[in-house]
Amino acid sequence: MMARVDVAFPCGTTAAMHATKPANAAHANRELGTVRNTGRTTSLLAMIGALTSLIVLMALSAPALATEPRCNKARHVAGNEKPLPNLETRLETGEPIRIVALGSSSTEGTPNLPKKDIYPAVLERVLAREVLNPVEILNRGKGGETIALMLARLDRDVIAEKPDLVIWQLGVNDVLSMDGVESAIADMRVALQRLREQRIPVVLMDLQVAPMVDRDKDTPVMQAAIAEAARAEGVLHFHRYDIMKNLVSTQTAAMDDLVMGDGLHMTAFGHLCTGTLLAQQIAKSSLMRLATSRPRD
């Protein structure tokens, strides 16, 4: 009978024990390869996920980008620019611009529209892009409110916020709910005086084009009063009514593109044009003195 021979290996191991090492090494290499492949797979999946997100974002943004040129066709009737010293200061220092949007449902929005689609949100995005400065819009719209109700909360919702600018969308509920708008016009003048005393610049946004608004006898009276108040106070006047009327009359957009089926509230496209053109008006006003005061070659 042949005797068993154990061959000694370092560290007291035997040949039998070392015979398992090639198999273990192969297993370890396979595991390392798996880890490497898993890492590559994870990176690839991350890249695919990021690319997918980018494509989705571009798809979501495409309608807005595609429709802005339609809005710009009415830019010439949006209103004139006036210097806005408060905003000029913010642009010089790089500090955020704070704007309060005061109004009714055109400002607050309606339940069937996402918040990102209403004009204050559009304004915030577009204005920041136009002036290359952070912009904060405080939405202080409340559906159904008249000028008197907005005057009652002026101190709390507007003046207390210490804004650089106030956009006041007003008048439509007074026209629709009152027989005669003289008291509403008087309240508007009181509010403008208080804002002037606080040295807060104002943009007055007039009524929207809509079947319910167009057929009310008080609409021309309110429109004229807003225009006169803007002239008397030396504040900006954003001609929303003329913008929407121009888009329809030039067949750039149909009434259904701008106004919902209820005959009163703006669609997402109506809000897009309002926010976009208002941002352009404010941006030009903010940059007026900066552009003329800079030295030229």
C-alpha atoms as a PDB file:
ATOM      1  CA  MET A   1       0.000   0.000   0.000  1.00  0.00           C
ATOM      2  CA  MET A   2       1.275   3.391  -0.921  1.00  0.00           C
ATOM      3  CA  ALA A   3       1.739   5.740   1.969  1.00  0.00           C
ATOM      4  CA  ARG A   4      -0.070   9.110   1.975  1.00  0.00           C
ATOM      5  CA  VAL A   5       2.272  12.060   1.618  1.00  0.00           C
ATOM      6  CA  ASP A   6       1.240  15.514   2.787  1.00  0.00           C
ATOM      7  CA  VAL A   7       3.299  18.285   1.252  1.00  0.00           C
ATOM      8  CA  ALA A   8       3.802  21.187   3.544  1.00  0.00           C
ATOM      9  CA  PHE A   9       3.049  24.726   2.286  1.00  0.00           C
ATOM     10  CA  PRO A  10       3.763  27.987   3.992  1.00  0.00           C
ATOM     11  CA  CYS A  11       1.585  29.047   6.883  1.00  0.00           C
ATOM     12  CA  GLY A  12       0.773  25.425   7.716  1.00  0.00           C
ATOM     13  CA  THR A  13      -1.541  24.901   4.724  1.00  0.00           C
ATOM     14  CA  THR A  14      -1.728  21.703   2.740  1.00  0.00           C
ATOM     15  CA  ALA A  15      -1.936  20.900  -0.937  1.00  0.00           C
ATOM     16  CA  ALA A  16      -5.580  20.042  -0.501  1.00  0.00           C
ATOM     17  CA  MET A  17      -6.263  23.483   0.856  1.00  0.00           C
ATOM     18  CA  HIS A  18      -4.319  25.227  -1.929  1.00  0.00           C
ATOM     19  CA  ALA A  19      -6.101  23.184  -4.562  1.00  0.00           C
ATOM     20  CA  THR A  20      -9.190  25.266  -3.874  1.00  0.00           C
ATOM     21  CA  LYS A  21      -7.451  28.593  -4.555  1.00  0.00           C
ATOM     22  CA  PRO A  22      -7.712  28.606  -8.358  1.00  0.00           C
ATOM     23  CA  ALA A  23     -11.442  28.031  -8.084  1.00  0.00           C
ATOM     24  CA  ASN A  24     -11.747  30.761  -5.438  1.00  0.00           C
ATOM     25  CA  ALA A  25      -9.668  33.153  -7.546  1.00  0.00           C
ATOM     26  CA  ALA A  26     -11.840  32.517 -10.561  1.00  0.00           C
ATOM     27  CA  HIS A  27     -14.936  33.141  -8.442  1.00  0.00           C
ATOM     28  CA  ALA A  28     -13.430  36.372  -7.119  1.00  0.00           C
ATOM     29  CA  ASN A  29     -12.623  37.542 -10.632  1.00  0.00           C
ATOM     30  CA  ARG A  30     -16.171  36.801 -11.717  1.00  0.00           C
ATOM     31  CA  GLU A  31     -17.484  38.811  -8.752  1.00  0.00           C
ATOM     32  CA  LEU A  32     -15.172  41.726  -9.603  1.00  0.00           C
ATOM     33  CA  GLY A  33     -16.359  41.616 -13.178  1.00  0.00           C
ATOM     34  CA  THR A  34     -19.940  41.625 -11.970  1.00  0.00           C
ATOM     35  CA  VAL A  35     -19.269  44.683  -9.803  1.00  0.00           C
ATOM     36  CA  ARG A  36     -17.628  46.481 -12.706  1.00  0.00           C
ATOM     37  CA  ASN A  37     -20.447  45.565 -15.057  1.00  0.00           C
ATOM     38  CA  THR A  38     -23.000  46.606 -12.449  1.00  0.00           C
ATOM     39  CA  GLY A  39     -21.223  49.960 -12.115  1.00  0.00           C
ATOM     40  CA  ARG A  40     -21.278  50.446 -15.879  1.00  0.00           C
ATOM     41  CA  THR A  41     -24.951  49.451 -15.995  1.00  0.00           C
ATOM     42  CA  THR A  42     -25.828  51.871 -13.186  1.00  0.00           C
ATOM     43  CA  SER A  43     -24.001  54.710 -14.938  1.00  0.00           C
ATOM     44  CA  LEU A  44     -25.684  53.874 -18.219  1.00  0.00           C
ATOM     45  CA  LEU A  45     -29.110  53.777 -16.586  1.00  0.00           C
ATOM     46  CA  ALA A  46     -28.425  57.126 -14.915  1.00  0.00           C
ATOM     47  CA  MET A  47     -27.459  58.645 -18.263  1.00  0.00           C
ATOM     48  CA  ILE A  48     -30.577  57.221 -19.908  1.00  0.00           C
ATOM     49  CA  GLY A  49     -32.709  58.551 -17.053  1.00  0.00           C
ATOM     50  CA  ALA A  50     -31.196  62.016 -17.313  1.00  0.00           C
ATOM     51  CA  LEU A  51     -31.639  62.035 -21.088  1.00  0.00           C
ATOM     52  CA  THR A  52     -35.251  60.912 -20.737  1.00  0.00           C
ATOM     53  CA  SER A  53     -35.918  63.654 -18.193  1.00  0.00           C
ATOM     54  CA  LEU A  54     -34.391  66.226 -20.534  1.00  0.00           C
ATOM     55  CA  ILE A  55     -36.532  65.043 -23.438  1.00  0.00           C
ATOM     56  CA  VAL A  56     -39.665  65.180 -21.286  1.00  0.00           C
ATOM     57  CA  LEU A  57     -38.755  68.665 -20.067  1.00  0.00           C
ATOM     58  CA  MET A  58     -38.194  69.862 -23.626  1.00  0.00           C
ATOM     59  CA  ALA A  59     -41.498  68.354 -24.700  1.00  0.00           C
ATOM     60  CA  LEU A  60     -43.324  70.074 -21.854  1.00  0.00           C
ATOM     61  CA  SER A  61     -41.644  73.384 -22.635  1.00  0.00           C
ATOM     62  CA  ALA A  62     -42.167  73.190 -26.375  1.00  0.00           C
ATOM     63  CA  PRO A  63     -45.785  74.442 -26.460  1.00  0.00           C
ATOM     64  CA  ALA A  64     -44.892  77.550 -24.430  1.00  0.00           C
ATOM     65  CA  LEU A  65     -41.858  78.291 -26.570  1.00  0.00           C
ATOM     66  CA  ALA A  66     -43.835  77.713 -29.742  1.00  0.00           C
ATOM     67  CA  THR A  67     -46.665  80.055 -28.765  1.00  0.00           C
ATOM     68  CA  GLU A  68     -44.601  82.992 -27.481  1.00  0.00           C
ATOM     69  CA  PRO A  69     -44.010  84.342 -31.017  1.00  0.00           C
ATOM     70  CA  ARG A  70     -47.783  84.533 -31.425  1.00  0.00           C
ATOM     71  CA  CYS A  71     -47.988  86.630 -28.265  1.00  0.00           C
ATOM     72  CA  ASN A  72     -45.222  88.913 -29.502  1.00  0.00           C
ATOM     73  CA  LYS A  73     -47.289  89.928 -32.519  1.00  0.00           C
ATOM     74  CA  ALA A  74     -49.352  92.098 -30.144  1.00  0.00           C
ATOM     75  CA  ARG A  75     -46.360  93.556 -28.316  1.00  0.00           C
ATOM     76  CA  HIS A  76     -46.786  96.963 -29.982  1.00  0.00           C
ATOM     77  CA  VAL A  77     -50.107  97.552 -28.170  1.00  0.00           C
ATOM     78  CA  ALA A  78     -48.952  96.420 -24.699  1.00  0.00           C
ATOM     79  CA  GLY A  79     -48.160  99.952 -23.513  1.00  0.00           C
ATOM     80  CA  ASN A  80     -45.257 102.322 -23.059  1.00  0.00           C
ATOM     81  CA  GLU A  81     -42.327 101.943 -20.690  1.00  0.00           C
ATOM     82  CA  LYS A  82     -41.502 104.219 -17.760  1.00  0.00           C
ATOM     83  CA  PRO A  83     -38.390 104.183 -15.552  1.00  0.00           C
ATOM     84  CA  LEU A  84     -38.624 101.949 -12.479  1.00  0.00           C
ATOM     85  CA  PRO A  85     -35.910 103.153 -10.056  1.00  0.00           C
ATOM     86  CA  ASN A  86     -36.559 100.423  -7.476  1.00  0.00           C
ATOM     87  CA  LEU A  87     -35.927  97.700 -10.021  1.00  0.00           C
ATOM     88  CA  GLU A  88     -32.928  99.533 -11.461  1.00  0.00           C
ATOM     89  CA  THR A  89     -31.332  99.434  -8.010  1.00  0.00           C
ATOM     90  CA  ARG A  90     -31.942  95.688  -7.723  1.00  0.00           C
ATOM     91  CA  LEU A  91     -30.359  95.090 -11.113  1.00  0.00           C
ATOM     92  CA  GLU A  92     -27.282  97.091 -10.139  1.00  0.00           C
ATOM     93  CA  THR A  93     -26.813  95.174  -6.872  1.00  0.00           C
ATOM     94  CA  GLY A  94     -27.956  91.776  -8.141  1.00  0.00           C
ATOM     95  CA  GLU A  95     -30.494  91.480  -5.324  1.00  0.00           C
ATOM     96  CA  PRO A  96     -33.789  89.644  -5.988  1.00  0.00           C
ATOM     97  CA  ILE A  97     -36.657  91.707  -7.373  1.00  0.00           C
ATOM     98  CA  ARG A  98     -39.804  91.409  -5.246  1.00  0.00           C
ATOM     99  CA  ILE A  99     -43.133  92.002  -6.977  1.00  0.00           C
ATOM    100  CA  VAL A 100     -46.636  91.757  -5.534  1.00  0.00           C
ATOM    101  CA  ALA A 101     -49.352  90.711  -7.981  1.00  0.00           C
ATOM    102  CA  LEU A 102     -52.661  92.064  -6.663  1.00  0.00           C
ATOM    103  CA  GLY A 103     -55.907  91.167  -8.372  1.00  0.00           C
ATOM    104  CA  SER A 104     -58.827  88.807  -8.758  1.00  0.00           C
ATOM    105  CA  SER A 105     -59.091  85.426 -10.506  1.00  0.00           C
ATOM    106  CA  SER A 106     -56.938  86.567 -13.442  1.00  0.00           C
ATOM    107  CA  THR A 107     -54.140  86.784 -10.869  1.00  0.00           C
ATOM    108  CA  GLU A 108     -55.044  84.003  -8.446  1.00  0.00           C
ATOM    109  CA  GLY A 109     -55.868  81.564 -11.229  1.00  0.00           C
ATOM    110  CA  THR A 110     -58.747  79.160 -11.706  1.00  0.00           C
ATOM    111  CA  PRO A 111     -59.035  75.560 -10.424  1.00  0.00           C
ATOM    112  CA  ASN A 112     -58.660  74.026 -13.875  1.00  0.00           C
ATOM    113  CA  LEU A 113     -55.300  75.704 -14.586  1.00  0.00           C
ATOM    114  CA  PRO A 114     -51.995  74.622 -13.011  1.00  0.00           C
ATOM    115  CA  LYS A 115     -50.351  77.370 -10.963  1.00  0.00           C
ATOM    116  CA  LYS A 116     -47.344  77.338 -13.286  1.00  0.00           C
ATOM    117  CA  ASP A 117     -49.572  78.402 -16.185  1.00  0.00           C
ATOM    118  CA  ILE A 118     -51.140  81.525 -14.667  1.00  0.00           C
ATOM    119  CA  TYR A 119     -49.686  84.902 -15.533  1.00  0.00           C
ATOM    120  CA  PRO A 120     -47.747  85.627 -12.271  1.00  0.00           C
ATOM    121  CA  ALA A 121     -45.812  82.366 -12.653  1.00  0.00           C
ATOM    122  CA  VAL A 122     -45.145  83.076 -16.337  1.00  0.00           C
ATOM    123  CA  LEU A 123     -44.062  86.610 -15.446  1.00  0.00           C
ATOM    124  CA  GLU A 124     -41.639  85.331 -12.811  1.00  0.00           C
ATOM    125  CA  ARG A 125     -39.936  82.984 -15.276  1.00  0.00           C
ATOM    126  CA  VAL A 126     -39.808  85.338 -18.249  1.00  0.00           C
ATOM    127  CA  LEU A 127     -38.777  88.447 -16.318  1.00  0.00           C
ATOM    128  CA  ALA A 128     -35.896  86.600 -14.629  1.00  0.00           C
ATOM    129  CA  ARG A 129     -34.757  85.524 -18.079  1.00  0.00           C
ATOM    130  CA  GLU A 130     -35.103  89.042 -19.497  1.00  0.00           C
ATOM    131  CA  VAL A 131     -33.176  90.889 -16.763  1.00  0.00           C
ATOM    132  CA  LEU A 132     -30.827  88.057 -15.688  1.00  0.00           C
ATOM    133  CA  ASN A 133     -31.746  88.658 -12.059  1.00  0.00           C
ATOM    134  CA  PRO A 134     -33.651  86.634  -9.441  1.00  0.00           C
ATOM    135  CA  VAL A 135     -37.360  87.521  -9.375  1.00  0.00           C
ATOM    136  CA  GLU A 136     -39.904  86.734  -6.658  1.00  0.00           C
ATOM    137  CA  ILE A 137     -43.613  87.159  -7.405  1.00  0.00           C
ATOM    138  CA  LEU A 138     -45.972  87.194  -4.420  1.00  0.00           C
ATOM    139  CA  ASN A 139     -49.397  86.194  -5.723  1.00  0.00           C
ATOM    140  CA  ARG A 140     -52.054  88.157  -3.835  1.00  0.00           C
ATOM    141  CA  GLY A 141     -54.955  87.477  -6.155  1.00  0.00           C
ATOM    142  CA  LYS A 142     -58.406  86.546  -4.842  1.00  0.00           C
ATOM    143  CA  GLY A 143     -61.108  85.442  -7.235  1.00  0.00           C
ATOM    144  CA  GLY A 144     -64.255  87.564  -7.394  1.00  0.00           C
ATOM    145  CA  GLU A 145     -62.824  90.577  -5.591  1.00  0.00           C
ATOM    146  CA  THR A 146     -63.736  94.162  -6.415  1.00  0.00           C
ATOM    147  CA  ILE A 147     -61.499  97.206  -6.076  1.00  0.00           C
ATOM    148  CA  ALA A 148     -63.062  98.010  -2.687  1.00  0.00           C
ATOM    149  CA  LEU A 149     -62.135  94.581  -1.303  1.00  0.00           C
ATOM    150  CA  MET A 150     -58.585  94.888  -2.590  1.00  0.00           C
ATOM    151  CA  LEU A 151     -58.289  98.356  -1.073  1.00  0.00           C
ATOM    152  CA  ALA A 152     -59.333  96.890   2.287  1.00  0.00           C
ATOM    153  CA  ARG A 153     -56.373  94.486   2.288  1.00  0.00           C
ATOM    154  CA  LEU A 154     -53.856  96.799   0.634  1.00  0.00           C
ATOM    155  CA  ASP A 155     -51.823  97.424   3.792  1.00  0.00           C
ATOM    156  CA  ARG A 156     -51.653  93.761   4.831  1.00  0.00           C
ATOM    157  CA  ASP A 157     -51.184  92.055   1.487  1.00  0.00           C
ATOM    158  CA  VAL A 158     -49.185  94.658  -0.422  1.00  0.00           C
ATOM    159  CA  ILE A 159     -47.557  97.469   1.548  1.00  0.00           C
ATOM    160  CA  ALA A 160     -46.422  95.192   4.395  1.00  0.00           C
ATOM    161  CA  GLU A 161     -44.466  93.066   1.894  1.00  0.00           C
ATOM    162  CA  LYS A 162     -42.280  96.072   0.934  1.00  0.00           C
ATOM    163  CA  PRO A 163     -42.298  95.208  -2.766  1.00  0.00           C
ATOM    164  CA  ASP A 164     -40.187  96.818  -5.460  1.00  0.00           C
ATOM    165  CA  LEU A 165     -43.240  96.872  -7.718  1.00  0.00           C
ATOM    166  CA  VAL A 166     -46.985  96.190  -7.576  1.00  0.00           C
ATOM    167  CA  ILE A 167     -48.947  94.835 -10.504  1.00  0.00           C
ATOM    168  CA  TRP A 168     -52.599  95.629  -9.966  1.00  0.00           C
ATOM    169  CA  GLN A 169     -55.058  93.723 -12.137  1.00  0.00           C
ATOM    170  CA  LEU A 170     -58.408  95.362 -11.470  1.00  0.00           C
ATOM    171  CA  GLY A 171     -61.845  96.429 -12.583  1.00  0.00           C
ATOM    172  CA  VAL A 172     -63.534  93.418 -14.127  1.00  0.00           C
ATOM    173  CA  ASN A 173     -65.588  92.344 -11.096  1.00  0.00           C
ATOM    174  CA  ASP A 174     -66.679  95.924 -10.502  1.00  0.00           C
ATOM    175  CA  VAL A 175     -67.945  96.079 -14.077  1.00  0.00           C
ATOM    176  CA  LEU A 176     -69.765  92.759 -13.817  1.00  0.00           C
ATOM    177  CA  SER A 177     -71.271  93.198 -10.353  1.00  0.00           C
ATOM    178  CA  MET A 178     -72.155  96.890 -10.195  1.00  0.00           C
ATOM    179  CA  ASP A 179     -74.542  99.217 -11.998  1.00  0.00           C
ATOM    180  CA  GLY A 180     -72.153 102.094 -12.436  1.00  0.00           C
ATOM    181  CA  VAL A 181     -68.500 102.042 -11.395  1.00  0.00           C
ATOM    182  CA  GLU A 182     -67.980 105.536  -9.981  1.00  0.00           C
ATOM    183  CA  SER A 183     -67.357 104.342  -6.415  1.00  0.00           C
ATOM    184  CA  ALA A 184     -64.903 101.708  -7.662  1.00  0.00           C
ATOM    185  CA  ILE A 185     -62.983 104.352  -9.593  1.00  0.00           C
ATOM    186  CA  ALA A 186     -62.808 106.510  -6.457  1.00  0.00           C
ATOM    187  CA  ASP A 187     -61.440 103.540  -4.476  1.00  0.00           C
ATOM    188  CA  MET A 188     -58.814 102.956  -7.159  1.00  0.00           C
ATOM    189  CA  ARG A 189     -57.584 106.535  -6.783  1.00  0.00           C
ATOM    190  CA  VAL A 190     -57.371 106.161  -2.991  1.00  0.00           C
ATOM    191  CA  ALA A 191     -55.294 102.992  -3.332  1.00  0.00           C
ATOM    192  CA  LEU A 192     -52.954 104.579  -5.868  1.00  0.00           C
ATOM    193  CA  GLN A 193     -52.423 107.558  -3.596  1.00  0.00           C
ATOM    194  CA  ARG A 194     -51.472 105.263  -0.702  1.00  0.00           C
ATOM    195  CA  LEU A 195     -49.030 103.359  -2.866  1.00  0.00           C
ATOM    196  CA  ARG A 196     -47.523 106.619  -4.098  1.00  0.00           C
ATOM    197  CA  GLU A 197     -47.058 107.776  -0.497  1.00  0.00           C
ATOM    198  CA  GLN A 198     -45.126 104.556   0.150  1.00  0.00           C
ATOM    199  CA  ARG A 199     -43.060 105.155  -3.007  1.00  0.00           C
ATOM    200  CA  ILE A 200     -44.105 101.819  -4.448  1.00  0.00           C
ATOM    201  CA  PRO A 201     -44.204 101.784  -8.275  1.00  0.00           C
ATOM    202  CA  VAL A 202     -47.356 100.378  -9.870  1.00  0.00           C
ATOM    203  CA  VAL A 203     -48.398  98.692 -13.086  1.00  0.00           C
ATOM    204  CA  LEU A 204     -52.131  98.940 -13.744  1.00  0.00           C
ATOM    205  CA  MET A 205     -53.461  95.975 -15.713  1.00  0.00           C
ATOM    206  CA  ASP A 206     -56.831  96.625 -17.297  1.00  0.00           C
ATOM    207  CA  LEU A 207     -59.680  94.263 -18.200  1.00  0.00           C
ATOM    208  CA  GLN A 208     -59.565  91.184 -20.391  1.00  0.00           C
ATOM    209  CA  VAL A 209     -61.384  90.711 -23.662  1.00  0.00           C
ATOM    210  CA  ALA A 210     -64.195  88.224 -23.011  1.00  0.00           C
ATOM    211  CA  PRO A 211     -67.846  87.935 -24.082  1.00  0.00           C
ATOM    212  CA  MET A 212     -69.141  88.713 -20.584  1.00  0.00           C
ATOM    213  CA  VAL A 213     -66.891  91.760 -20.300  1.00  0.00           C
ATOM    214  CA  ASP A 214     -67.420  93.100 -23.809  1.00  0.00           C
ATOM    215  CA  ARG A 215     -71.187  93.315 -23.545  1.00  0.00           C
ATOM    216  CA  ASP A 216     -71.261  95.199 -20.211  1.00  0.00           C
ATOM    217  CA  LYS A 217     -72.032  98.907 -20.542  1.00  0.00           C
ATOM    218  CA  ASP A 218     -69.553  99.822 -17.791  1.00  0.00           C
ATOM    219  CA  THR A 219     -66.540  98.286 -19.547  1.00  0.00           C
ATOM    220  CA  PRO A 220     -65.623 101.402 -21.598  1.00  0.00           C
ATOM    221  CA  VAL A 221     -66.037 103.586 -18.499  1.00  0.00           C
ATOM    222  CA  MET A 222     -63.694 101.439 -16.419  1.00  0.00           C
ATOM    223  CA  GLN A 223     -61.166 101.135 -19.224  1.00  0.00           C
ATOM    224  CA  ALA A 224     -61.054 104.907 -19.630  1.00  0.00           C
ATOM    225  CA  ALA A 225     -60.740 105.411 -15.862  1.00  0.00           C
ATOM    226  CA  ILE A 226     -57.774 103.026 -15.616  1.00  0.00           C
ATOM    227  CA  ALA A 227     -56.024 104.766 -18.517  1.00  0.00           C
ATOM    228  CA  GLU A 228     -56.631 108.192 -16.978  1.00  0.00           C
ATOM    229  CA  ALA A 229     -55.419 107.051 -13.545  1.00  0.00           C
ATOM    230  CA  ALA A 230     -52.207 105.704 -15.086  1.00  0.00           C
ATOM    231  CA  ARG A 231     -51.583 109.022 -16.831  1.00  0.00           C
ATOM    232  CA  ALA A 232     -52.400 111.103 -13.750  1.00  0.00           C
ATOM    233  CA  GLU A 233     -50.239 109.011 -11.416  1.00  0.00           C
ATOM    234  CA  GLY A 234     -47.433 108.515 -13.904  1.00  0.00           C
ATOM    235  CA  VAL A 235     -47.537 104.733 -13.535  1.00  0.00           C
ATOM    236  CA  LEU A 236     -47.245 101.972 -16.084  1.00  0.00           C
ATOM    237  CA  HIS A 237     -50.404 100.828 -17.852  1.00  0.00           C
ATOM    238  CA  PHE A 238     -50.428  97.292 -19.233  1.00  0.00           C
ATOM    239  CA  HIS A 239     -53.031  97.163 -22.012  1.00  0.00           C
ATOM    240  CA  ARG A 240     -54.280  93.616 -21.595  1.00  0.00           C
ATOM    241  CA  TYR A 241     -57.573  94.398 -23.328  1.00  0.00           C
ATOM    242  CA  ASP A 242     -55.851  95.814 -26.413  1.00  0.00           C
ATOM    243  CA  ILE A 243     -53.434  92.877 -26.565  1.00  0.00           C
ATOM    244  CA  MET A 244     -56.195  90.293 -26.587  1.00  0.00           C
ATOM    245  CA  LYS A 245     -58.301  92.332 -29.005  1.00  0.00           C
ATOM    246  CA  ASN A 246     -55.346  92.656 -31.378  1.00  0.00           C
ATOM    247  CA  LEU A 247     -54.608  88.931 -31.308  1.00  0.00           C
ATOM    248  CA  VAL A 248     -58.210  88.191 -32.268  1.00  0.00           C
ATOM    249  CA  SER A 249     -58.627  90.961 -34.860  1.00  0.00           C
ATOM    250  CA  THR A 250     -55.416  89.978 -36.664  1.00  0.00           C
ATOM    251  CA  GLN A 251     -56.471  86.315 -36.558  1.00  0.00           C
ATOM    252  CA  THR A 252     -53.298  85.486 -34.659  1.00  0.00           C
ATOM    253  CA  ALA A 253     -55.540  83.721 -32.147  1.00  0.00           C
ATOM    254  CA  ALA A 254     -59.218  82.876 -31.873  1.00  0.00           C
ATOM    255  CA  MET A 255     -61.328  83.990 -28.936  1.00  0.00           C
ATOM    256  CA  ASP A 256     -61.442  80.356 -27.782  1.00  0.00           C
ATOM    257  CA  ASP A 257     -57.635  80.351 -27.651  1.00  0.00           C
ATOM    258  CA  LEU A 258     -57.695  83.205 -25.143  1.00  0.00           C
ATOM    259  CA  VAL A 259     -60.914  82.785 -23.159  1.00  0.00           C
ATOM    260  CA  MET A 260     -62.385  79.699 -21.514  1.00  0.00           C
ATOM    261  CA  GLY A 261     -65.801  78.304 -22.287  1.00  0.00           C
ATOM    262  CA  ASP A 262     -67.309  80.240 -19.367  1.00  0.00           C
ATOM    263  CA  GLY A 263     -66.959  83.417 -21.413  1.00  0.00           C
ATOM    264  CA  LEU A 264     -64.859  85.180 -18.780  1.00  0.00           C
ATOM    265  CA  HIS A 265     -61.616  83.589 -17.574  1.00  0.00           C
ATOM    266  CA  MET A 266     -58.389  83.417 -19.548  1.00  0.00           C
ATOM    267  CA  THR A 267     -56.978  80.186 -20.929  1.00  0.00           C
ATOM    268  CA  ALA A 268     -53.384  79.081 -20.418  1.00  0.00           C
ATOM    269  CA  PHE A 269     -52.516  80.804 -23.703  1.00  0.00           C
ATOM    270  CA  GLY A 270     -54.145  84.024 -22.508  1.00  0.00           C
ATOM    271  CA  HIS A 271     -52.060  83.842 -19.340  1.00  0.00           C
ATOM    272  CA  LEU A 272     -48.930  83.066 -21.362  1.00  0.00           C
ATOM    273  CA  CYS A 273     -49.329  86.185 -23.501  1.00  0.00           C
ATOM    274  CA  THR A 274     -50.169  88.310 -20.464  1.00  0.00           C
ATOM    275  CA  GLY A 275     -47.137  87.160 -18.472  1.00  0.00           C
ATOM    276  CA  THR A 276     -44.743  87.265 -21.425  1.00  0.00           C
ATOM    277  CA  LEU A 277     -45.628  90.744 -22.699  1.00  0.00           C
ATOM    278  CA  LEU A 278     -45.846  92.178 -19.189  1.00  0.00           C
ATOM    279  CA  ALA A 279     -42.360  90.826 -18.431  1.00  0.00           C
ATOM    280  CA  GLN A 280     -41.025  92.530 -21.542  1.00  0.00           C
ATOM    281  CA  GLN A 281     -42.633  95.846 -20.597  1.00  0.00           C
ATOM    282  CA  ILE A 282     -41.241  95.704 -17.050  1.00  0.00           C
ATOM    283  CA  ALA A 283     -37.786  94.615 -18.249  1.00  0.00           C
ATOM    284  CA  LYS A 284     -37.518  97.522 -20.687  1.00  0.00           C
ATOM    285  CA  SER A 285     -38.709  99.942 -18.013  1.00  0.00           C
ATOM    286  CA  SER A 286     -36.163  98.574 -15.534  1.00  0.00           C
ATOM    287  CA  LEU A 287     -33.297  98.975 -17.970  1.00  0.00           C
ATOM    288  CA  MET A 288     -34.182 102.413 -19.383  1.00  0.00           C
ATOM    289  CA  ARG A 289     -31.975 104.583 -17.175  1.00  0.00           C
ATOM    290  CA  LEU A 290     -29.242 101.978 -16.886  1.00  0.00           C
ATOM    291  CA  ALA A 291     -28.954 101.875 -20.668  1.00  0.00           C
ATOM    292  CA  THR A 292     -28.798 105.670 -21.053  1.00  0.00           C
ATOM    293  CA  SER A 293     -26.457 106.265 -18.093  1.00  0.00           C
ATOM    294  CA  ARG A 294     -23.738 103.856 -19.193  1.00  0.00           C
ATOM    295  CA  PRO A 295     -20.768 105.476 -20.957  1.00  0.00           C
ATOM    296  CA  ARG A 296     -20.530 104.983 -24.696  1.00  0.00           C
ATOM    297  CA  ASP A 297     -17.446 104.615 -26.885  1.00  0.00           C
END
